[in-house]
Structures are given as C-alpha cells and as structure tokens.
PDB file of N, CA and C in Angstrom:
ATOM      1  N   MET A   1      -6.240 -32.819  -9.087  1.00  0.00           N
ATOM      2  CA  MET A   1      -7.232 -33.735  -8.596  1.00  0.00           C
ATOM      3  C   MET A   1      -6.614 -34.582  -7.489  1.00  0.00           C
ATOM      4  N   THR A   2      -7.340 -34.685  -6.377  1.00  0.00           N
ATOM      5  CA  THR A   2      -6.855 -35.434  -5.237  1.00  0.00           C
ATOM      6  C   THR A   2      -7.302 -36.884  -5.347  1.00  0.00           C
ATOM      7  N   ALA A   3      -6.399 -37.799  -5.118  1.00  0.00           N
ATOM      8  CA  ALA A   3      -6.741 -39.223  -5.159  1.00  0.00           C
ATOM      9  C   ALA A   3      -7.537 -39.587  -3.913  1.00  0.00           C
ATOM     10  N   LEU A   4      -8.515 -40.460  -4.100  1.00  0.00           N
ATOM     11  CA  LEU A   4      -9.297 -40.949  -2.971  1.00  0.00           C
ATOM     12  C   LEU A   4      -8.466 -41.928  -2.161  1.00  0.00           C
ATOM     13  N   PRO A   5      -8.700 -41.968  -0.858  1.00  0.00           N
ATOM     14  CA  PRO A   5      -8.027 -43.003  -0.068  1.00  0.00           C
ATOM     15  C   PRO A   5      -8.411 -44.370  -0.617  1.00  0.00           C
ATOM     16  N   PHE A   6      -7.564 -45.339  -0.432  1.00  0.00           N
ATOM     17  CA  PHE A   6      -7.800 -46.676  -0.986  1.00  0.00           C
ATOM     18  C   PHE A   6      -9.179 -47.198  -0.617  1.00  0.00           C
ATOM     19  N   SER A   7      -9.589 -47.063   0.646  1.00  0.00           N
ATOM     20  CA  SER A   7     -10.877 -47.615   1.076  1.00  0.00           C
ATOM     21  C   SER A   7     -12.033 -46.951   0.338  1.00  0.00           C
ATOM     22  N   ALA A   8     -11.991 -45.643   0.131  1.00  0.00           N
ATOM     23  CA  ALA A   8     -13.062 -44.952  -0.585  1.00  0.00           C
ATOM     24  C   ALA A   8     -13.052 -45.321  -2.064  1.00  0.00           C
ATOM     25  N   ALA A   9     -11.879 -45.523  -2.629  1.00  0.00           N
ATOM     26  CA  ALA A   9     -11.774 -45.864  -4.048  1.00  0.00           C
ATOM     27  C   ALA A   9     -12.388 -47.229  -4.335  1.00  0.00           C
ATOM     28  N   CYS A  10     -12.397 -48.115  -3.348  1.00  0.00           N
ATOM     29  CA  CYS A  10     -12.915 -49.475  -3.529  1.00  0.00           C
ATOM     30  C   CYS A  10     -14.405 -49.591  -3.249  1.00  0.00           C
ATOM     31  N   MET A  11     -15.039 -48.536  -2.801  1.00  0.00           N
ATOM     32  CA  MET A  11     -16.457 -48.594  -2.461  1.00  0.00           C
ATOM     33  C   MET A  11     -17.318 -48.268  -3.664  1.00  0.00           C
ATOM     34  N   ASN A  12     -18.478 -48.920  -3.759  1.00  0.00           N
ATOM     35  CA  ASN A  12     -19.433 -48.544  -4.793  1.00  0.00           C
ATOM     36  C   ASN A  12     -20.259 -47.371  -4.281  1.00  0.00           C
ATOM     37  N   SER A  13     -21.113 -46.818  -5.118  1.00  0.00           N
ATOM     38  CA  SER A  13     -21.861 -45.613  -4.747  1.00  0.00           C
ATOM     39  C   SER A  13     -22.794 -45.849  -3.569  1.00  0.00           C
ATOM     40  N   ASP A  14     -23.402 -47.041  -3.469  1.00  0.00           N
ATOM     41  CA  ASP A  14     -24.266 -47.346  -2.324  1.00  0.00           C
ATOM     42  C   ASP A  14     -23.470 -47.380  -1.023  1.00  0.00           C
ATOM     43  N   GLN A  15     -22.282 -47.957  -1.077  1.00  0.00           N
ATOM     44  CA  GLN A  15     -21.444 -48.013   0.117  1.00  0.00           C
ATOM     45  C   GLN A  15     -21.010 -46.607   0.537  1.00  0.00           C
ATOM     46  N   LEU A  16     -20.666 -45.778  -0.442  1.00  0.00           N
ATOM     47  CA  LEU A  16     -20.283 -44.395  -0.140  1.00  0.00           C
ATOM     48  C   LEU A  16     -21.448 -43.631   0.477  1.00  0.00           C
ATOM     49  N   LEU A  17     -22.651 -43.802  -0.099  1.00  0.00           N
ATOM     50  CA  LEU A  17     -23.840 -43.139   0.433  1.00  0.00           C
ATOM     51  C   LEU A  17     -24.120 -43.619   1.852  1.00  0.00           C
ATOM     52  N   ARG A  18     -24.044 -44.911   2.082  1.00  0.00           N
ATOM     53  CA  ARG A  18     -24.288 -45.487   3.413  1.00  0.00           C
ATOM     54  C   ARG A  18     -23.295 -44.916   4.425  1.00  0.00           C
ATOM     55  N   THR A  19     -22.032 -44.819   4.033  1.00  0.00           N
ATOM     56  CA  THR A  19     -21.005 -44.263   4.918  1.00  0.00           C
ATOM     57  C   THR A  19     -21.281 -42.794   5.208  1.00  0.00           C
ATOM     58  N   LYS A  20     -21.628 -42.043   4.181  1.00  0.00           N
ATOM     59  CA  LYS A  20     -21.936 -40.614   4.341  1.00  0.00           C
ATOM     60  C   LYS A  20     -23.115 -40.417   5.284  1.00  0.00           C
ATOM     61  N   ILE A  21     -24.187 -41.169   5.063  1.00  0.00           N
ATOM     62  CA  ILE A  21     -25.374 -41.044   5.910  1.00  0.00           C
ATOM     63  C   ILE A  21     -25.046 -41.442   7.344  1.00  0.00           C
ATOM     64  N   ASN A  22     -24.317 -42.528   7.513  1.00  0.00           N
ATOM     65  CA  ASN A  22     -23.943 -42.975   8.861  1.00  0.00           C
ATOM     66  C   ASN A  22     -23.183 -41.881   9.611  1.00  0.00           C
ATOM     67  N   GLN A  23     -22.294 -41.192   8.914  1.00  0.00           N
ATOM     68  CA  GLN A  23     -21.510 -40.124   9.539  1.00  0.00           C
ATOM     69  C   GLN A  23     -22.351 -38.897   9.855  1.00  0.00           C
ATOM     70  N   GLU A  24     -23.516 -38.774   9.218  1.00  0.00           N
ATOM     71  CA  GLU A  24     -24.386 -37.617   9.433  1.00  0.00           C
ATOM     72  C   GLU A  24     -25.457 -37.854  10.492  1.00  0.00           C
ATOM     73  N   THR A  25     -25.536 -39.057  11.040  1.00  0.00           N
ATOM     74  CA  THR A  25     -26.514 -39.312  12.092  1.00  0.00           C
ATOM     75  C   THR A  25     -26.071 -38.620  13.371  1.00  0.00           C
ATOM     76  N   SER A  26     -27.058 -38.255  14.171  1.00  0.00           N
ATOM     77  CA  SER A  26     -26.721 -37.667  15.467  1.00  0.00           C
ATOM     78  C   SER A  26     -27.808 -38.008  16.475  1.00  0.00           C
ATOM     79  N   ARG A  27     -27.427 -37.953  17.707  1.00  0.00           N
ATOM     80  CA  ARG A  27     -28.356 -38.213  18.805  1.00  0.00           C
ATOM     81  C   ARG A  27     -28.862 -36.867  19.306  1.00  0.00           C
ATOM     82  N   LEU A  28     -30.192 -36.730  19.353  1.00  0.00           N
ATOM     83  CA  LEU A  28     -30.797 -35.458  19.737  1.00  0.00           C
ATOM     84  C   LEU A  28     -31.966 -35.683  20.679  1.00  0.00           C
ATOM     85  N   PRO A  29     -32.226 -34.712  21.560  1.00  0.00           N
ATOM     86  CA  PRO A  29     -33.464 -34.778  22.330  1.00  0.00           C
ATOM     87  C   PRO A  29     -34.637 -34.361  21.423  1.00  0.00           C
ATOM     88  N   TRP A  30     -35.802 -34.925  21.663  1.00  0.00           N
ATOM     89  CA  TRP A  30     -36.980 -34.610  20.870  1.00  0.00           C
ATOM     90  C   TRP A  30     -37.230 -33.103  20.820  1.00  0.00           C
ATOM     91  N   THR A  31     -36.935 -32.390  21.900  1.00  0.00           N
ATOM     92  CA  THR A  31     -37.187 -30.941  21.941  1.00  0.00           C
ATOM     93  C   THR A  31     -36.448 -30.190  20.833  1.00  0.00           C
ATOM     94  N   GLU A  32     -35.320 -30.737  20.374  1.00  0.00           N
ATOM     95  CA  GLU A  32     -34.560 -30.093  19.298  1.00  0.00           C
ATOM     96  C   GLU A  32     -35.252 -30.218  17.942  1.00  0.00           C
ATOM     97  N   LEU A  33     -36.221 -31.119  17.845  1.00  0.00           N
ATOM     98  CA  LEU A  33     -36.866 -31.385  16.561  1.00  0.00           C
ATOM     99  C   LEU A  33     -38.299 -30.866  16.489  1.00  0.00           C
ATOM    100  N   LEU A  34     -38.758 -30.177  17.521  1.00  0.00           N
ATOM    101  CA  LEU A  34     -40.152 -29.738  17.569  1.00  0.00           C
ATOM    102  C   LEU A  34     -40.538 -28.829  16.404  1.00  0.00           C
ATOM    103  N   LYS A  35     -39.657 -27.909  16.023  1.00  0.00           N
ATOM    104  CA  LYS A  35     -40.011 -27.007  14.914  1.00  0.00           C
ATOM    105  C   LYS A  35     -40.150 -27.782  13.609  1.00  0.00           C
ATOM    106  N   HIS A  36     -39.377 -28.834  13.451  1.00  0.00           N
ATOM    107  CA  HIS A  36     -39.479 -29.649  12.244  1.00  0.00           C
ATOM    108  C   HIS A  36     -40.753 -30.505  12.287  1.00  0.00           C
ATOM    109  N   PHE A  37     -41.093 -30.986  13.479  1.00  0.00           N
ATOM    110  CA  PHE A  37     -42.345 -31.721  13.645  1.00  0.00           C
ATOM    111  C   PHE A  37     -43.519 -30.816  13.261  1.00  0.00           C
ATOM    112  N   ALA A  38     -43.469 -29.571  13.691  1.00  0.00           N
ATOM    113  CA  ALA A  38     -44.549 -28.624  13.382  1.00  0.00           C
ATOM    114  C   ALA A  38     -44.699 -28.413  11.882  1.00  0.00           C
ATOM    115  N   SER A  39     -43.613 -28.549  11.141  1.00  0.00           N
ATOM    116  CA  SER A  39     -43.689 -28.380   9.687  1.00  0.00           C
ATOM    117  C   SER A  39     -44.021 -29.690   8.972  1.00  0.00           C
ATOM    118  N   GLY A  40     -44.166 -30.789   9.730  1.00  0.00           N
ATOM    119  CA  GLY A  40     -44.582 -32.059   9.144  1.00  0.00           C
ATOM    120  C   GLY A  40     -43.497 -32.829   8.420  1.00  0.00           C
ATOM    121  N   THR A  41     -42.248 -32.599   8.784  1.00  0.00           N
ATOM    122  CA  THR A  41     -41.151 -33.234   8.045  1.00  0.00           C
ATOM    123  C   THR A  41     -40.417 -34.322   8.823  1.00  0.00           C
ATOM    124  N   VAL A  42     -40.943 -34.718   9.982  1.00  0.00           N
ATOM    125  CA  VAL A  42     -40.257 -35.721  10.793  1.00  0.00           C
ATOM    126  C   VAL A  42     -40.926 -37.081  10.607  1.00  0.00           C
ATOM    127  N   ILE A  43     -40.111 -38.060  10.235  1.00  0.00           N
ATOM    128  CA  ILE A  43     -40.573 -39.419   9.979  1.00  0.00           C
ATOM    129  C   ILE A  43     -39.982 -40.341  11.047  1.00  0.00           C
ATOM    130  N   SER A  44     -40.861 -41.091  11.698  1.00  0.00           N
ATOM    131  CA  SER A  44     -40.437 -42.052  12.714  1.00  0.00           C
ATOM    132  C   SER A  44     -40.127 -43.396  12.056  1.00  0.00           C
ATOM    133  N   ILE A  45     -39.016 -43.981  12.462  1.00  0.00           N
ATOM    134  CA  ILE A  45     -38.579 -45.271  11.942  1.00  0.00           C
ATOM    135  C   ILE A  45     -38.715 -46.307  13.060  1.00  0.00           C
ATOM    136  N   ALA A  46     -39.414 -47.397  12.777  1.00  0.00           N
ATOM    137  CA  ALA A  46     -39.632 -48.452  13.770  1.00  0.00           C
ATOM    138  C   ALA A  46     -38.300 -49.039  14.227  1.00  0.00           C
ATOM    139  N   PRO A  47     -38.258 -49.525  15.464  1.00  0.00           N
ATOM    140  CA  PRO A  47     -36.995 -50.053  16.004  1.00  0.00           C
ATOM    141  C   PRO A  47     -36.445 -51.267  15.261  1.00  0.00           C
ATOM    142  N   GLN A  48     -37.289 -52.026  14.587  1.00  0.00           N
ATOM    143  CA  GLN A  48     -36.793 -53.220  13.884  1.00  0.00           C
ATOM    144  C   GLN A  48     -36.075 -52.872  12.582  1.00  0.00           C
ATOM    145  N   LEU A  49     -36.195 -51.627  12.132  1.00  0.00           N
ATOM    146  CA  LEU A  49     -35.497 -51.203  10.914  1.00  0.00           C
ATOM    147  C   LEU A  49     -34.193 -50.512  11.264  1.00  0.00           C
ATOM    148  N   ASP A  50     -33.264 -50.516  10.326  1.00  0.00           N
ATOM    149  CA  ASP A  50     -31.992 -49.821  10.480  1.00  0.00           C
ATOM    150  C   ASP A  50     -32.148 -48.405   9.929  1.00  0.00           C
ATOM    151  N   LEU A  51     -31.932 -47.410  10.776  1.00  0.00           N
ATOM    152  CA  LEU A  51     -32.116 -46.011  10.385  1.00  0.00           C
ATOM    153  C   LEU A  51     -31.298 -45.659   9.139  1.00  0.00           C
ATOM    154  N   VAL A  52     -30.050 -46.067   9.106  1.00  0.00           N
ATOM    155  CA  VAL A  52     -29.175 -45.746   7.970  1.00  0.00           C
ATOM    156  C   VAL A  52     -29.695 -46.417   6.702  1.00  0.00           C
ATOM    157  N   GLU A  53     -30.120 -47.662   6.804  1.00  0.00           N
ATOM    158  CA  GLU A  53     -30.632 -48.372   5.629  1.00  0.00           C
ATOM    159  C   GLU A  53     -31.896 -47.705   5.089  1.00  0.00           C
ATOM    160  N   VAL A  54     -32.776 -47.270   5.971  1.00  0.00           N
ATOM    161  CA  VAL A  54     -33.982 -46.563   5.528  1.00  0.00           C
ATOM    162  C   VAL A  54     -33.586 -45.280   4.811  1.00  0.00           C
ATOM    163  N   ALA A  55     -32.644 -44.548   5.377  1.00  0.00           N
ATOM    164  CA  ALA A  55     -32.183 -43.307   4.749  1.00  0.00           C
ATOM    165  C   ALA A  55     -31.586 -43.565   3.368  1.00  0.00           C
ATOM    166  N   VAL A  56     -30.814 -44.634   3.239  1.00  0.00           N
ATOM    167  CA  VAL A  56     -30.221 -44.999   1.941  1.00  0.00           C
ATOM    168  C   VAL A  56     -31.326 -45.299   0.929  1.00  0.00           C
ATOM    169  N   GLN A  57     -32.314 -46.090   1.331  1.00  0.00           N
ATOM    170  CA  GLN A  57     -33.385 -46.468   0.404  1.00  0.00           C
ATOM    171  C   GLN A  57     -34.230 -45.265  -0.009  1.00  0.00           C
ATOM    172  N   ILE A  58     -34.477 -44.344   0.912  1.00  0.00           N
ATOM    173  CA  ILE A  58     -35.208 -43.117   0.564  1.00  0.00           C
ATOM    174  C   ILE A  58     -34.363 -42.274  -0.381  1.00  0.00           C
ATOM    175  N   SER A  59     -33.082 -42.154  -0.088  1.00  0.00           N
ATOM    176  CA  SER A  59     -32.173 -41.382  -0.959  1.00  0.00           C
ATOM    177  C   SER A  59     -32.110 -41.954  -2.366  1.00  0.00           C
ATOM    178  N   ASN A  60     -32.192 -43.278  -2.463  1.00  0.00           N
ATOM    179  CA  ASN A  60     -32.135 -43.954  -3.764  1.00  0.00           C
ATOM    180  C   ASN A  60     -33.503 -44.070  -4.438  1.00  0.00           C
ATOM    181  N   ASP A  61     -34.514 -43.435  -3.849  1.00  0.00           N
ATOM    182  CA  ASP A  61     -35.879 -43.471  -4.406  1.00  0.00           C
ATOM    183  C   ASP A  61     -36.385 -44.891  -4.619  1.00  0.00           C
ATOM    184  N   ASN A  62     -36.128 -45.760  -3.660  1.00  0.00           N
ATOM    185  CA  ASN A  62     -36.623 -47.132  -3.730  1.00  0.00           C
ATOM    186  C   ASN A  62     -38.100 -47.118  -3.313  1.00  0.00           C
ATOM    187  N   ILE A  63     -38.936 -46.695  -4.238  1.00  0.00           N
ATOM    188  CA  ILE A  63     -40.347 -46.449  -3.955  1.00  0.00           C
ATOM    189  C   ILE A  63     -41.062 -47.703  -3.464  1.00  0.00           C
ATOM    190  N   SER A  64     -40.805 -48.837  -4.072  1.00  0.00           N
ATOM    191  CA  SER A  64     -41.523 -50.050  -3.670  1.00  0.00           C
ATOM    192  C   SER A  64     -41.231 -50.425  -2.220  1.00  0.00           C
ATOM    193  N   LEU A  65     -39.978 -50.340  -1.801  1.00  0.00           N
ATOM    194  CA  LEU A  65     -39.629 -50.679  -0.422  1.00  0.00           C
ATOM    195  C   LEU A  65     -40.180 -49.644   0.553  1.00  0.00           C
ATOM    196  N   VAL A  66     -40.071 -48.379   0.198  1.00  0.00           N
ATOM    197  CA  VAL A  66     -40.604 -47.320   1.067  1.00  0.00           C
ATOM    198  C   VAL A  66     -42.115 -47.475   1.207  1.00  0.00           C
ATOM    199  N   GLN A  67     -42.807 -47.791   0.105  1.00  0.00           N
ATOM    200  CA  GLN A  67     -44.263 -48.006   0.161  1.00  0.00           C
ATOM    201  C   GLN A  67     -44.590 -49.191   1.065  1.00  0.00           C
ATOM    202  N   GLU A  68     -43.789 -50.238   0.988  1.00  0.00           N
ATOM    203  CA  GLU A  68     -43.993 -51.411   1.839  1.00  0.00           C
ATOM    204  C   GLU A  68     -43.865 -51.020   3.314  1.00  0.00           C
ATOM    205  N   TRP A  69     -42.818 -50.265   3.643  1.00  0.00           N
ATOM    206  CA  TRP A  69     -42.633 -49.805   5.019  1.00  0.00           C
ATOM    207  C   TRP A  69     -43.786 -48.928   5.473  1.00  0.00           C
ATOM    208  N   LEU A  70     -44.256 -48.048   4.581  1.00  0.00           N
ATOM    209  CA  LEU A  70     -45.404 -47.200   4.922  1.00  0.00           C
ATOM    210  C   LEU A  70     -46.638 -48.051   5.185  1.00  0.00           C
ATOM    211  N   HIS A  71     -46.878 -49.016   4.319  1.00  0.00           N
ATOM    212  CA  HIS A  71     -48.037 -49.899   4.464  1.00  0.00           C
ATOM    213  C   HIS A  71     -47.978 -50.679   5.785  1.00  0.00           C
ATOM    214  N   GLU A  72     -46.796 -51.146   6.143  1.00  0.00           N
ATOM    215  CA  GLU A  72     -46.583 -51.890   7.398  1.00  0.00           C
ATOM    216  C   GLU A  72     -46.566 -50.958   8.613  1.00  0.00           C
ATOM    217  N   GLN A  73     -46.552 -49.675   8.370  1.00  0.00           N
ATOM    218  CA  GLN A  73     -46.413 -48.637   9.398  1.00  0.00           C
ATOM    219  C   GLN A  73     -45.076 -48.755  10.139  1.00  0.00           C
ATOM    220  N   SER A  74     -44.067 -49.250   9.424  1.00  0.00           N
ATOM    221  CA  SER A  74     -42.710 -49.295   9.965  1.00  0.00           C
ATOM    222  C   SER A  74     -42.053 -47.929   9.866  1.00  0.00           C
ATOM    223  N   ILE A  75     -42.537 -47.112   8.941  1.00  0.00           N
ATOM    224  CA  ILE A  75     -42.152 -45.703   8.880  1.00  0.00           C
ATOM    225  C   ILE A  75     -43.437 -44.894   8.753  1.00  0.00           C
ATOM    226  N   ALA A  76     -43.466 -43.739   9.399  1.00  0.00           N
ATOM    227  CA  ALA A  76     -44.660 -42.889   9.362  1.00  0.00           C
ATOM    228  C   ALA A  76     -44.305 -41.516   9.895  1.00  0.00           C
ATOM    229  N   LYS A  77     -45.082 -40.527   9.470  1.00  0.00           N
ATOM    230  CA  LYS A  77     -44.912 -39.202  10.062  1.00  0.00           C
ATOM    231  C   LYS A  77     -45.195 -39.314  11.552  1.00  0.00           C
ATOM    232  N   VAL A  78     -44.447 -38.575  12.329  1.00  0.00           N
ATOM    233  CA  VAL A  78     -44.644 -38.586  13.780  1.00  0.00           C
ATOM    234  C   VAL A  78     -46.035 -38.029  14.072  1.00  0.00           C
ATOM    235  N   SER A  79     -46.802 -38.780  14.849  1.00  0.00           N
ATOM    236  CA  SER A  79     -48.162 -38.354  15.200  1.00  0.00           C
ATOM    237  C   SER A  79     -48.123 -37.365  16.365  1.00  0.00           C
ATOM    238  N   ASP A  80     -49.227 -36.669  16.548  1.00  0.00           N
ATOM    239  CA  ASP A  80     -49.331 -35.743  17.682  1.00  0.00           C
ATOM    240  C   ASP A  80     -49.157 -36.489  19.005  1.00  0.00           C
ATOM    241  N   GLU A  81     -49.751 -37.681  19.102  1.00  0.00           N
ATOM    242  CA  GLU A  81     -49.655 -38.469  20.332  1.00  0.00           C
ATOM    243  C   GLU A  81     -48.217 -38.896  20.608  1.00  0.00           C
ATOM    244  N   GLN A  82     -47.544 -39.322  19.553  1.00  0.00           N
ATOM    245  CA  GLN A  82     -46.148 -39.740  19.694  1.00  0.00           C
ATOM    246  C   GLN A  82     -45.291 -38.545  20.115  1.00  0.00           C
ATOM    247  N   ALA A  83     -45.509 -37.413  19.484  1.00  0.00           N
ATOM    248  CA  ALA A  83     -44.740 -36.209  19.809  1.00  0.00           C
ATOM    249  C   ALA A  83     -44.962 -35.806  21.268  1.00  0.00           C
ATOM    250  N   LYS A  84     -46.193 -35.870  21.721  1.00  0.00           N
ATOM    251  CA  LYS A  84     -46.508 -35.510  23.108  1.00  0.00           C
ATOM    252  C   LYS A  84     -45.812 -36.463  24.081  1.00  0.00           C
ATOM    253  N   ALA A  85     -45.870 -37.768  23.794  1.00  0.00           N
ATOM    254  CA  ALA A  85     -45.221 -38.753  24.664  1.00  0.00           C
ATOM    255  C   ALA A  85     -43.717 -38.531  24.716  1.00  0.00           C
ATOM    256  N   TRP A  86     -43.110 -38.269  23.568  1.00  0.00           N
ATOM    257  CA  TRP A  86     -41.663 -38.024  23.529  1.00  0.00           C
ATOM    258  C   TRP A  86     -41.301 -36.766  24.303  1.00  0.00           C
ATOM    259  N   LEU A  87     -42.148 -35.750  24.224  1.00  0.00           N
ATOM    260  CA  LEU A  87     -41.897 -34.502  24.952  1.00  0.00           C
ATOM    261  C   LEU A  87     -41.981 -34.750  26.457  1.00  0.00           C
ATOM    262  N   GLU A  88     -42.988 -35.493  26.876  1.00  0.00           N
ATOM    263  CA  GLU A  88     -43.182 -35.770  28.307  1.00  0.00           C
ATOM    264  C   GLU A  88     -42.057 -36.607  28.905  1.00  0.00           C
ATOM    265  N   THR A  89     -41.453 -37.467  28.101  1.00  0.00           N
ATOM    266  CA  THR A  89     -40.387 -38.348  28.607  1.00  0.00           C
ATOM    267  C   THR A  89     -38.988 -37.871  28.228  1.00  0.00           C
ATOM    268  N   ASP A  90     -38.906 -36.705  27.579  1.00  0.00           N
ATOM    269  CA  ASP A  90     -37.618 -36.152  27.147  1.00  0.00           C
ATOM    270  C   ASP A  90     -36.825 -37.203  26.360  1.00  0.00           C
ATOM    271  N   THR A  91     -37.480 -37.797  25.375  1.00  0.00           N
ATOM    272  CA  THR A  91     -36.926 -38.891  24.596  1.00  0.00           C
ATOM    273  C   THR A  91     -35.715 -38.457  23.768  1.00  0.00           C
ATOM    274  N   GLN A  92     -34.699 -39.321  23.757  1.00  0.00           N
ATOM    275  CA  GLN A  92     -33.518 -39.142  22.916  1.00  0.00           C
ATOM    276  C   GLN A  92     -33.727 -39.942  21.632  1.00  0.00           C
ATOM    277  N   LEU A  93     -33.366 -39.350  20.514  1.00  0.00           N
ATOM    278  CA  LEU A  93     -33.577 -39.971  19.212  1.00  0.00           C
ATOM    279  C   LEU A  93     -32.301 -39.941  18.390  1.00  0.00           C
ATOM    280  N   TRP A  94     -32.139 -40.975  17.561  1.00  0.00           N
ATOM    281  CA  TRP A  94     -31.133 -40.915  16.512  1.00  0.00           C
ATOM    282  C   TRP A  94     -31.816 -40.221  15.340  1.00  0.00           C
ATOM    283  N   ALA A  95     -31.138 -39.320  14.688  1.00  0.00           N
ATOM    284  CA  ALA A  95     -31.735 -38.565  13.593  1.00  0.00           C
ATOM    285  C   ALA A  95     -30.754 -38.416  12.444  1.00  0.00           C
ATOM    286  N   VAL A  96     -31.338 -38.331  11.253  1.00  0.00           N
ATOM    287  CA  VAL A  96     -30.550 -38.060  10.056  1.00  0.00           C
ATOM    288  C   VAL A  96     -31.463 -37.355   9.059  1.00  0.00           C
ATOM    289  N   VAL A  97     -30.903 -36.439   8.308  1.00  0.00           N
ATOM    290  CA  VAL A  97     -31.670 -35.685   7.321  1.00  0.00           C
ATOM    291  C   VAL A  97     -31.534 -36.339   5.954  1.00  0.00           C
ATOM    292  N   VAL A  98     -32.679 -36.587   5.333  1.00  0.00           N
ATOM    293  CA  VAL A  98     -32.757 -37.002   3.931  1.00  0.00           C
ATOM    294  C   VAL A  98     -33.784 -36.047   3.342  1.00  0.00           C
ATOM    295  N   LYS A  99     -33.288 -34.941   2.815  1.00  0.00           N
ATOM    296  CA  LYS A  99     -34.176 -33.853   2.400  1.00  0.00           C
ATOM    297  C   LYS A  99     -35.328 -34.343   1.549  1.00  0.00           C
ATOM    298  N   PRO A 100     -36.520 -33.879   1.851  1.00  0.00           N
ATOM    299  CA  PRO A 100     -36.899 -32.869   2.842  1.00  0.00           C
ATOM    300  C   PRO A 100     -37.227 -33.434   4.212  1.00  0.00           C
ATOM    301  N   TRP A 101     -36.917 -34.699   4.457  1.00  0.00           N
ATOM    302  CA  TRP A 101     -37.335 -35.375   5.680  1.00  0.00           C
ATOM    303  C   TRP A 101     -36.242 -35.405   6.734  1.00  0.00           C
ATOM    304  N   ILE A 102     -36.675 -35.503   7.977  1.00  0.00           N
ATOM    305  CA  ILE A 102     -35.789 -35.820   9.080  1.00  0.00           C
ATOM    306  C   ILE A 102     -36.269 -37.162   9.598  1.00  0.00           C
ATOM    307  N   LEU A 103     -35.413 -38.169   9.503  1.00  0.00           N
ATOM    308  CA  LEU A 103     -35.747 -39.514   9.943  1.00  0.00           C
ATOM    309  C   LEU A 103     -35.272 -39.663  11.384  1.00  0.00           C
ATOM    310  N   VAL A 104     -36.141 -40.195  12.240  1.00  0.00           N
ATOM    311  CA  VAL A 104     -35.788 -40.349  13.650  1.00  0.00           C
ATOM    312  C   VAL A 104     -36.120 -41.759  14.117  1.00  0.00           C
ATOM    313  N   GLN A 105     -35.361 -42.198  15.100  1.00  0.00           N
ATOM    314  CA  GLN A 105     -35.579 -43.503  15.709  1.00  0.00           C
ATOM    315  C   GLN A 105     -35.201 -43.388  17.186  1.00  0.00           C
ATOM    316  N   VAL A 106     -36.049 -43.945  18.028  1.00  0.00           N
ATOM    317  CA  VAL A 106     -35.789 -43.882  19.462  1.00  0.00           C
ATOM    318  C   VAL A 106     -34.489 -44.605  19.765  1.00  0.00           C
ATOM    319  N   CYS A 107     -33.653 -43.977  20.586  1.00  0.00           N
ATOM    320  CA  CYS A 107     -32.381 -44.583  20.983  1.00  0.00           C
ATOM    321  C   CYS A 107     -32.650 -45.807  21.838  1.00  0.00           C
ATOM    322  N   ALA A 108     -31.895 -46.838  21.576  1.00  0.00           N
ATOM    323  CA  ALA A 108     -32.062 -48.095  22.350  1.00  0.00           C
ATOM    324  C   ALA A 108     -31.360 -48.004  23.673  1.00  0.00           C
TER     325      ALA A 108
END
C-alpha cells in the first residue's frame, strides 16, 4: 500500500473531490461539445457561480442546493438559442464532466 502525500492525507473527502474536479476542468470551444448538446447533457452554469463548486454539489447529490440553482436559473440545460449564439461567436467554455452531465461556463 502506497502512503498518500502529506497534503492529500490531511484533506477530507470534500476537499479531495474538489481538487479532483478542479484538475479535470478544461477549456474547450463550444464546437467540441455540440454532440453532447444534441444528446441533452450539457448544463450551463451562470457566471456568478463557481463551476467547481457546482460540480462538487452535484457529485454530492445536494438536491436542495441544486434545486435552488435550477429555480433561480443559475444552472440550466443549454437552450437552442444559447447554443446558436455560442456557435456564431466561437465561444470558449470551461467544462467539467459530472456524469451524466457536462457542466459548462463561459470563460471570463
């Protein structure tokens, strides 16, 4: 059995998950996500939210918070209009997978 590095050994499970998700984010052009949009699995995250934090809360099944974000429309499936606008402007997005979803946020 391999010992964890000191920093990983001192982290709780939420911190480990947050670190893992953060390392899995990537910057992509919208065109790379079109096939996923067609399957209805792309969720847009409002700019005022932290993409990694949303991914952590979805991963942890924090239903009440996710429902609140949905109600506020801070997170939502990407609409046809949004997808068209992103395609026309060749929008760059931060993305992370939280199966079965792909969470995206417009790059600042």
